[in-house]
Amino acid sequence: MAGNPSPKYSRAHEARQLQRGAVRLPGGMLPPEVAEALESLLAAGYARSKVGAIARALIEAAGKQPE
């Protein structure tokens, strides 16, 4: 089983993502109904992670396909 990635490699990955146009968002709280919807999407296999589900939903709402 793989361990946690090295912070050195994580920072390098983040730097590359930011160079490609990624945006870092501050943490926050989702209202209960939104949290329930997110859990429902994950349970249905919509995405493998919370960030993945949010990203996919935003892309679909914008009418774009992921690259």
PDB file of N, CA and C in Angstrom:
ATOM      1  N   MET A   1       0.841  -1.162   0.000  1.00  0.00           N
ATOM      2  CA  MET A   1       0.000   0.000   0.000  1.00  0.00           C
ATOM      3  C   MET A   1       0.897   1.240   0.000  1.00  0.00           C
ATOM      4  N   ALA A   2       0.572   2.199  -0.827  1.00  0.00           N
ATOM      5  CA  ALA A   2       1.355   3.423  -0.926  1.00  0.00           C
ATOM      6  C   ALA A   2       1.065   4.330   0.264  1.00  0.00           C
ATOM      7  N   GLY A   3       2.097   5.035   0.716  1.00  0.00           N
ATOM      8  CA  GLY A   3       1.927   5.979   1.804  1.00  0.00           C
ATOM      9  C   GLY A   3       1.532   7.338   1.275  1.00  0.00           C
ATOM     10  N   ASN A   4       1.538   8.308   2.146  1.00  0.00           N
ATOM     11  CA  ASN A   4       1.238   9.677   1.731  1.00  0.00           C
ATOM     12  C   ASN A   4       2.332  10.178   0.801  1.00  0.00           C
ATOM     13  N   PRO A   5       1.974  10.960  -0.190  1.00  0.00           N
ATOM     14  CA  PRO A   5       3.002  11.494  -1.088  1.00  0.00           C
ATOM     15  C   PRO A   5       3.907  12.479  -0.349  1.00  0.00           C
ATOM     16  N   SER A   6       5.117  12.576  -0.811  1.00  0.00           N
ATOM     17  CA  SER A   6       6.073  13.508  -0.228  1.00  0.00           C
ATOM     18  C   SER A   6       5.569  14.938  -0.406  1.00  0.00           C
ATOM     19  N   PRO A   7       5.695  15.773   0.622  1.00  0.00           N
ATOM     20  CA  PRO A   7       5.287  17.182   0.470  1.00  0.00           C
ATOM     21  C   PRO A   7       5.999  17.865  -0.691  1.00  0.00           C
ATOM     22  N   LYS A   8       7.231  17.467  -0.953  1.00  0.00           N
ATOM     23  CA  LYS A   8       7.994  18.046  -2.069  1.00  0.00           C
ATOM     24  C   LYS A   8       7.262  17.802  -3.386  1.00  0.00           C
ATOM     25  N   TYR A   9       6.793  16.567  -3.587  1.00  0.00           N
ATOM     26  CA  TYR A   9       6.108  16.238  -4.835  1.00  0.00           C
ATOM     27  C   TYR A   9       4.712  16.840  -4.881  1.00  0.00           C
ATOM     28  N   SER A  10       4.058  16.935  -3.721  1.00  0.00           N
ATOM     29  CA  SER A  10       2.732  17.557  -3.675  1.00  0.00           C
ATOM     30  C   SER A  10       2.809  19.030  -4.057  1.00  0.00           C
ATOM     31  N   ARG A  11       3.816  19.739  -3.521  1.00  0.00           N
ATOM     32  CA  ARG A  11       3.981  21.157  -3.864  1.00  0.00           C
ATOM     33  C   ARG A  11       4.311  21.327  -5.342  1.00  0.00           C
ATOM     34  N   ALA A  12       5.133  20.431  -5.885  1.00  0.00           N
ATOM     35  CA  ALA A  12       5.469  20.513  -7.308  1.00  0.00           C
ATOM     36  C   ALA A  12       4.225  20.284  -8.161  1.00  0.00           C
ATOM     37  N   HIS A  13       3.398  19.316  -7.764  1.00  0.00           N
ATOM     38  CA  HIS A  13       2.157  19.042  -8.494  1.00  0.00           C
ATOM     39  C   HIS A  13       1.234  20.267  -8.436  1.00  0.00           C
ATOM     40  N   GLU A  14       1.086  20.850  -7.258  1.00  0.00           N
ATOM     41  CA  GLU A  14       0.248  22.044  -7.117  1.00  0.00           C
ATOM     42  C   GLU A  14       0.775  23.187  -7.967  1.00  0.00           C
ATOM     43  N   ALA A  15       2.078  23.369  -7.989  1.00  0.00           N
ATOM     44  CA  ALA A  15       2.670  24.447  -8.795  1.00  0.00           C
ATOM     45  C   ALA A  15       2.359  24.240 -10.272  1.00  0.00           C
ATOM     46  N   ARG A  16       2.470  23.001 -10.745  1.00  0.00           N
ATOM     47  CA  ARG A  16       2.148  22.722 -12.161  1.00  0.00           C
ATOM     48  C   ARG A  16       0.670  22.984 -12.438  1.00  0.00           C
ATOM     49  N   GLN A  17      -0.190  22.582 -11.509  1.00  0.00           N
ATOM     50  CA  GLN A  17      -1.628  22.811 -11.689  1.00  0.00           C
ATOM     51  C   GLN A  17      -1.917  24.307 -11.770  1.00  0.00           C
ATOM     52  N   LEU A  18      -1.320  25.088 -10.883  1.00  0.00           N
ATOM     53  CA  LEU A  18      -1.538  26.532 -10.890  1.00  0.00           C
ATOM     54  C   LEU A  18      -1.032  27.160 -12.188  1.00  0.00           C
ATOM     55  N   GLN A  19       0.089  26.678 -12.695  1.00  0.00           N
ATOM     56  CA  GLN A  19       0.621  27.185 -13.965  1.00  0.00           C
ATOM     57  C   GLN A  19      -0.337  26.897 -15.114  1.00  0.00           C
ATOM     58  N   ARG A  20      -1.079  25.797 -15.018  1.00  0.00           N
ATOM     59  CA  ARG A  20      -2.028  25.430 -16.074  1.00  0.00           C
ATOM     60  C   ARG A  20      -3.388  26.108 -15.901  1.00  0.00           C
ATOM     61  N   GLY A  21      -3.524  26.956 -14.861  1.00  0.00           N
ATOM     62  CA  GLY A  21      -4.770  27.697 -14.694  1.00  0.00           C
ATOM     63  C   GLY A  21      -5.652  27.244 -13.549  1.00  0.00           C
ATOM     64  N   ALA A  22      -5.196  26.297 -12.740  1.00  0.00           N
ATOM     65  CA  ALA A  22      -5.989  25.866 -11.588  1.00  0.00           C
ATOM     66  C   ALA A  22      -6.138  27.029 -10.616  1.00  0.00           C
ATOM     67  N   VAL A  23      -7.172  26.956  -9.791  1.00  0.00           N
ATOM     68  CA  VAL A  23      -7.441  28.001  -8.803  1.00  0.00           C
ATOM     69  C   VAL A  23      -7.585  27.340  -7.436  1.00  0.00           C
ATOM     70  N   ARG A  24      -6.887  27.881  -6.459  1.00  0.00           N
ATOM     71  CA  ARG A  24      -7.007  27.377  -5.085  1.00  0.00           C
ATOM     72  C   ARG A  24      -8.182  28.103  -4.432  1.00  0.00           C
ATOM     73  N   LEU A  25      -9.088  27.339  -3.845  1.00  0.00           N
ATOM     74  CA  LEU A  25     -10.256  27.924  -3.185  1.00  0.00           C
ATOM     75  C   LEU A  25     -10.108  27.805  -1.679  1.00  0.00           C
ATOM     76  N   PRO A  26     -10.637  28.785  -0.948  1.00  0.00           N
ATOM     77  CA  PRO A  26     -10.591  28.684   0.517  1.00  0.00           C
ATOM     78  C   PRO A  26     -11.557  27.609   1.003  1.00  0.00           C
ATOM     79  N   GLY A  27     -11.291  27.078   2.152  1.00  0.00           N
ATOM     80  CA  GLY A  27     -12.200  26.103   2.745  1.00  0.00           C
ATOM     81  C   GLY A  27     -13.510  26.769   3.103  1.00  0.00           C
ATOM     82  N   GLY A  28     -14.517  25.995   3.321  1.00  0.00           N
ATOM     83  CA  GLY A  28     -15.809  26.553   3.676  1.00  0.00           C
ATOM     84  C   GLY A  28     -16.753  25.458   4.107  1.00  0.00           C
ATOM     85  N   MET A  29     -17.982  25.828   4.370  1.00  0.00           N
ATOM     86  CA  MET A  29     -18.995  24.873   4.793  1.00  0.00           C
ATOM     87  C   MET A  29     -20.106  24.845   3.757  1.00  0.00           C
ATOM     88  N   LEU A  30     -20.579  23.652   3.463  1.00  0.00           N
ATOM     89  CA  LEU A  30     -21.724  23.496   2.569  1.00  0.00           C
ATOM     90  C   LEU A  30     -22.994  23.439   3.407  1.00  0.00           C
ATOM     91  N   PRO A  31     -24.073  24.078   2.944  1.00  0.00           N
ATOM     92  CA  PRO A  31     -25.347  23.940   3.644  1.00  0.00           C
ATOM     93  C   PRO A  31     -25.754  22.464   3.669  1.00  0.00           C
ATOM     94  N   PRO A  32     -26.541  22.052   4.659  1.00  0.00           N
ATOM     95  CA  PRO A  32     -26.913  20.640   4.802  1.00  0.00           C
ATOM     96  C   PRO A  32     -27.500  20.018   3.532  1.00  0.00           C
ATOM     97  N   GLU A  33     -28.372  20.745   2.831  1.00  0.00           N
ATOM     98  CA  GLU A  33     -28.992  20.159   1.629  1.00  0.00           C
ATOM     99  C   GLU A  33     -27.959  19.947   0.526  1.00  0.00           C
ATOM    100  N   VAL A  34     -26.964  20.802   0.461  1.00  0.00           N
ATOM    101  CA  VAL A  34     -25.902  20.651  -0.536  1.00  0.00           C
ATOM    102  C   VAL A  34     -25.002  19.477  -0.152  1.00  0.00           C
ATOM    103  N   ALA A  35     -24.699  19.353   1.134  1.00  0.00           N
ATOM    104  CA  ALA A  35     -23.881  18.233   1.607  1.00  0.00           C
ATOM    105  C   ALA A  35     -24.579  16.910   1.325  1.00  0.00           C
ATOM    106  N   GLU A  36     -25.888  16.863   1.524  1.00  0.00           N
ATOM    107  CA  GLU A  36     -26.659  15.650   1.232  1.00  0.00           C
ATOM    108  C   GLU A  36     -26.616  15.321  -0.257  1.00  0.00           C
ATOM    109  N   ALA A  37     -26.755  16.338  -1.094  1.00  0.00           N
ATOM    110  CA  ALA A  37     -26.699  16.124  -2.543  1.00  0.00           C
ATOM    111  C   ALA A  37     -25.325  15.610  -2.950  1.00  0.00           C
ATOM    112  N   LEU A  38     -24.281  16.163  -2.358  1.00  0.00           N
ATOM    113  CA  LEU A  38     -22.926  15.728  -2.664  1.00  0.00           C
ATOM    114  C   LEU A  38     -22.730  14.267  -2.260  1.00  0.00           C
ATOM    115  N   GLU A  39     -23.172  13.899  -1.072  1.00  0.00           N
ATOM    116  CA  GLU A  39     -23.054  12.504  -0.625  1.00  0.00           C
ATOM    117  C   GLU A  39     -23.857  11.572  -1.530  1.00  0.00           C
ATOM    118  N   SER A  40     -25.011  12.028  -1.988  1.00  0.00           N
ATOM    119  CA  SER A  40     -25.833  11.229  -2.896  1.00  0.00           C
ATOM    120  C   SER A  40     -25.106  10.976  -4.218  1.00  0.00           C
ATOM    121  N   LEU A  41     -24.451  12.013  -4.738  1.00  0.00           N
ATOM    122  CA  LEU A  41     -23.689  11.858  -5.979  1.00  0.00           C
ATOM    123  C   LEU A  41     -22.536  10.878  -5.800  1.00  0.00           C
ATOM    124  N   LEU A  42     -21.844  10.977  -4.676  1.00  0.00           N
ATOM    125  CA  LEU A  42     -20.734  10.056  -4.418  1.00  0.00           C
ATOM    126  C   LEU A  42     -21.231   8.622  -4.288  1.00  0.00           C
ATOM    127  N   ALA A  43     -22.333   8.432  -3.584  1.00  0.00           N
ATOM    128  CA  ALA A  43     -22.892   7.088  -3.399  1.00  0.00           C
ATOM    129  C   ALA A  43     -23.334   6.475  -4.728  1.00  0.00           C
ATOM    130  N   ALA A  44     -23.755   7.329  -5.665  1.00  0.00           N
ATOM    131  CA  ALA A  44     -24.202   6.860  -6.975  1.00  0.00           C
ATOM    132  C   ALA A  44     -23.045   6.634  -7.948  1.00  0.00           C
ATOM    133  N   GLY A  45     -21.809   6.933  -7.509  1.00  0.00           N
ATOM    134  CA  GLY A  45     -20.659   6.733  -8.380  1.00  0.00           C
ATOM    135  C   GLY A  45     -20.427   7.851  -9.377  1.00  0.00           C
ATOM    136  N   TYR A  46     -21.016   8.995  -9.134  1.00  0.00           N
ATOM    137  CA  TYR A  46     -20.873  10.146 -10.029  1.00  0.00           C
ATOM    138  C   TYR A  46     -19.413  10.573 -10.150  1.00  0.00           C
ATOM    139  N   ALA A  47     -18.680  10.468  -9.053  1.00  0.00           N
ATOM    140  CA  ALA A  47     -17.256  10.800  -9.024  1.00  0.00           C
ATOM    141  C   ALA A  47     -16.632  10.029  -7.863  1.00  0.00           C
ATOM    142  N   ARG A  48     -15.299   9.977  -7.850  1.00  0.00           N
ATOM    143  CA  ARG A  48     -14.613   9.233  -6.790  1.00  0.00           C
ATOM    144  C   ARG A  48     -14.305  10.066  -5.558  1.00  0.00           C
ATOM    145  N   SER A  49     -14.447  11.379  -5.655  1.00  0.00           N
ATOM    146  CA  SER A  49     -14.138  12.246  -4.521  1.00  0.00           C
ATOM    147  C   SER A  49     -15.087  13.436  -4.509  1.00  0.00           C
ATOM    148  N   LYS A  50     -15.119  14.130  -3.386  1.00  0.00           N
ATOM    149  CA  LYS A  50     -15.959  15.315  -3.283  1.00  0.00           C
ATOM    150  C   LYS A  50     -15.521  16.377  -4.281  1.00  0.00           C
ATOM    151  N   VAL A  51     -14.213  16.599  -4.368  1.00  0.00           N
ATOM    152  CA  VAL A  51     -13.706  17.592  -5.325  1.00  0.00           C
ATOM    153  C   VAL A  51     -14.045  17.164  -6.749  1.00  0.00           C
ATOM    154  N   GLY A  52     -13.919  15.877  -7.041  1.00  0.00           N
ATOM    155  CA  GLY A  52     -14.251  15.372  -8.374  1.00  0.00           C
ATOM    156  C   GLY A  52     -15.723  15.586  -8.709  1.00  0.00           C
ATOM    157  N   ALA A  53     -16.597  15.356  -7.744  1.00  0.00           N
ATOM    158  CA  ALA A  53     -18.030  15.544  -7.975  1.00  0.00           C
ATOM    159  C   ALA A  53     -18.349  17.018  -8.208  1.00  0.00           C
ATOM    160  N   ILE A  54     -17.760  17.888  -7.408  1.00  0.00           N
ATOM    161  CA  ILE A  54     -17.999  19.321  -7.577  1.00  0.00           C
ATOM    162  C   ILE A  54     -17.467  19.793  -8.922  1.00  0.00           C
ATOM    163  N   ALA A  55     -16.261  19.343  -9.275  1.00  0.00           N
ATOM    164  CA  ALA A  55     -15.662  19.739 -10.557  1.00  0.00           C
ATOM    165  C   ALA A  55     -16.515  19.263 -11.729  1.00  0.00           C
ATOM    166  N   ARG A  56     -16.946  17.999 -11.684  1.00  0.00           N
ATOM    167  CA  ARG A  56     -17.764  17.467 -12.777  1.00  0.00           C
ATOM    168  C   ARG A  56     -19.082  18.218 -12.894  1.00  0.00           C
ATOM    169  N   ALA A  57     -19.712  18.500 -11.766  1.00  0.00           N
ATOM    170  CA  ALA A  57     -20.987  19.213 -11.782  1.00  0.00           C
ATOM    171  C   ALA A  57     -20.826  20.625 -12.354  1.00  0.00           C
ATOM    172  N   LEU A  58     -19.734  21.290 -11.998  1.00  0.00           N
ATOM    173  CA  LEU A  58     -19.494  22.633 -12.542  1.00  0.00           C
ATOM    174  C   LEU A  58     -19.255  22.599 -14.050  1.00  0.00           C
ATOM    175  N   ILE A  59     -18.465  21.627 -14.488  1.00  0.00           N
ATOM    176  CA  ILE A  59     -18.198  21.501 -15.931  1.00  0.00           C
ATOM    177  C   ILE A  59     -19.489  21.210 -16.693  1.00  0.00           C
ATOM    178  N   GLU A  60     -20.299  20.286 -16.160  1.00  0.00           N
ATOM    179  CA  GLU A  60     -21.559  19.956 -16.827  1.00  0.00           C
ATOM    180  C   GLU A  60     -22.521  21.146 -16.811  1.00  0.00           C
ATOM    181  N   ALA A  61     -22.562  21.864 -15.710  1.00  0.00           N
ATOM    182  CA  ALA A  61     -23.459  23.034 -15.625  1.00  0.00           C
ATOM    183  C   ALA A  61     -23.041  24.123 -16.607  1.00  0.00           C
ATOM    184  N   ALA A  62     -21.746  24.229 -16.854  1.00  0.00           N
ATOM    185  CA  ALA A  62     -21.240  25.220 -17.806  1.00  0.00           C
ATOM    186  C   ALA A  62     -21.380  24.751 -19.243  1.00  0.00           C
ATOM    187  N   GLY A  63     -21.797  23.505 -19.436  1.00  0.00           N
ATOM    188  CA  GLY A  63     -21.997  22.984 -20.788  1.00  0.00           C
ATOM    189  C   GLY A  63     -20.710  22.635 -21.511  1.00  0.00           C
ATOM    190  N   LYS A  64     -19.659  22.366 -20.750  1.00  0.00           N
ATOM    191  CA  LYS A  64     -18.372  22.027 -21.340  1.00  0.00           C
ATOM    192  C   LYS A  64     -18.011  20.586 -21.002  1.00  0.00           C
ATOM    193  N   GLN A  65     -17.185  20.002 -21.825  1.00  0.00           N
ATOM    194  CA  GLN A  65     -16.684  18.665 -21.570  1.00  0.00           C
ATOM    195  C   GLN A  65     -15.271  18.774 -21.026  1.00  0.00           C
ATOM    196  N   PRO A  66     -14.911  17.926 -20.055  1.00  0.00           N
ATOM    197  CA  PRO A  66     -13.545  17.961 -19.551  1.00  0.00           C
ATOM    198  C   PRO A  66     -12.551  17.600 -20.639  1.00  0.00           C
ATOM    199  N   GLU A  67     -11.373  18.195 -20.567  1.00  0.00           N
ATOM    200  CA  GLU A  67     -10.330  17.932 -21.586  1.00  0.00           C
ATOM    201  C   GLU A  67      -9.614  16.648 -21.288  1.00  0.00           C
TER     202      GLU A  67
END
